[in-house]
C-alpha atoms as a PDB file:
ATOM      1  CA  MET A   1     -37.066 -43.809  44.787  1.00  0.00           C
ATOM      2  CA  ILE A   2     -40.467 -43.072  45.009  1.00  0.00           C
ATOM      3  CA  SER A   3     -40.778 -39.591  45.539  1.00  0.00           C
ATOM      4  CA  PRO A   4     -43.160 -37.427  48.700  1.00  0.00           C
ATOM      5  CA  LEU A   5     -44.920 -36.205  46.756  1.00  0.00           C
ATOM      6  CA  ALA A   6     -46.124 -39.080  44.742  1.00  0.00           C
ATOM      7  CA  HIS A   7     -49.424 -40.958  46.165  1.00  0.00           C
ATOM      8  CA  ILE A   8     -49.675 -44.330  45.451  1.00  0.00           C
ATOM      9  CA  HIS A   9     -52.145 -46.717  46.770  1.00  0.00           C
ATOM     10  CA  PRO A  10     -51.308 -49.956  49.180  1.00  0.00           C
ATOM     11  CA  ALA A  11     -52.219 -52.226  46.837  1.00  0.00           C
ATOM     12  CA  ALA A  12     -50.598 -50.955  43.539  1.00  0.00           C
ATOM     13  CA  ARG A  13     -47.223 -53.362  42.885  1.00  0.00           C
ATOM     14  CA  LEU A  14     -44.164 -51.896  42.210  1.00  0.00           C
ATOM     15  CA  ALA A  15     -41.439 -54.330  41.162  1.00  0.00           C
ATOM     16  CA  PRO A  16     -37.722 -53.514  42.796  1.00  0.00           C
ATOM     17  CA  GLY A  17     -35.683 -50.176  40.538  1.00  0.00           C
ATOM     18  CA  VAL A  18     -39.133 -48.684  39.980  1.00  0.00           C
ATOM     19  CA  THR A  19     -38.399 -44.769  40.086  1.00  0.00           C
ATOM     20  CA  VAL A  20     -42.054 -42.601  40.336  1.00  0.00           C
ATOM     21  CA  GLU A  21     -41.817 -38.476  40.630  1.00  0.00           C
ATOM     22  CA  PRO A  22     -43.767 -36.053  42.029  1.00  0.00           C
ATOM     23  CA  PHE A  23     -47.342 -35.405  41.516  1.00  0.00           C
ATOM     24  CA  THR A  24     -48.096 -39.176  40.223  1.00  0.00           C
ATOM     25  CA  THR A  25     -50.799 -41.151  41.586  1.00  0.00           C
ATOM     26  CA  ILE A  26     -50.744 -44.568  41.096  1.00  0.00           C
ATOM     27  CA  TYR A  27     -54.011 -46.854  41.765  1.00  0.00           C
ATOM     28  CA  GLY A  28     -54.940 -49.794  43.519  1.00  0.00           C
ATOM     29  CA  ASP A  29     -54.826 -52.416  40.563  1.00  0.00           C
ATOM     30  CA  VAL A  30     -51.557 -51.809  38.833  1.00  0.00           C
ATOM     31  CA  GLU A  31     -48.267 -54.032  38.323  1.00  0.00           C
ATOM     32  CA  ILE A  32     -45.005 -51.730  37.513  1.00  0.00           C
ATOM     33  CA  GLY A  33     -42.415 -53.860  36.026  1.00  0.00           C
ATOM     34  CA  GLU A  34     -38.307 -53.511  37.171  1.00  0.00           C
ATOM     35  CA  ASN A  35     -36.723 -50.859  36.622  1.00  0.00           C
ATOM     36  CA  THR A  36     -39.212 -48.408  35.115  1.00  0.00           C
ATOM     37  CA  TRP A  37     -39.741 -44.525  35.472  1.00  0.00           C
ATOM     38  CA  ILE A  38     -42.127 -42.575  35.676  1.00  0.00           C
ATOM     39  CA  GLY A  39     -42.009 -38.315  35.016  1.00  0.00           C
ATOM     40  CA  PRO A  40     -44.027 -36.007  37.604  1.00  0.00           C
ATOM     41  CA  ASN A  41     -47.724 -35.180  37.514  1.00  0.00           C
ATOM     42  CA  VAL A  42     -48.908 -38.904  35.511  1.00  0.00           C
ATOM     43  CA  THR A  43     -51.827 -41.076  36.667  1.00  0.00           C
ATOM     44  CA  ILE A  44     -52.016 -44.871  35.948  1.00  0.00           C
ATOM     45  CA  MET A  45     -55.211 -46.008  36.559  1.00  0.00           C
ATOM     46  CA  ASP A  46     -56.597 -49.783  37.663  1.00  0.00           C
ATOM     47  CA  GLY A  47     -55.733 -51.738  35.565  1.00  0.00           C
ATOM     48  CA  ALA A  48     -52.276 -50.428  34.112  1.00  0.00           C
ATOM     49  CA  ARG A  49     -49.515 -53.335  33.464  1.00  0.00           C
END
């Protein structure tokens, strides 16, 4: 589930089953693996894998 209060760049790649909590920002050149949980108030910068 992706919180409607999260900001995710359209180029970011999120695998199935990813959960993103509110007030999280994910930049463009990012890959998030399956079933990952990202807590609230997190920033993930370009290049993260």
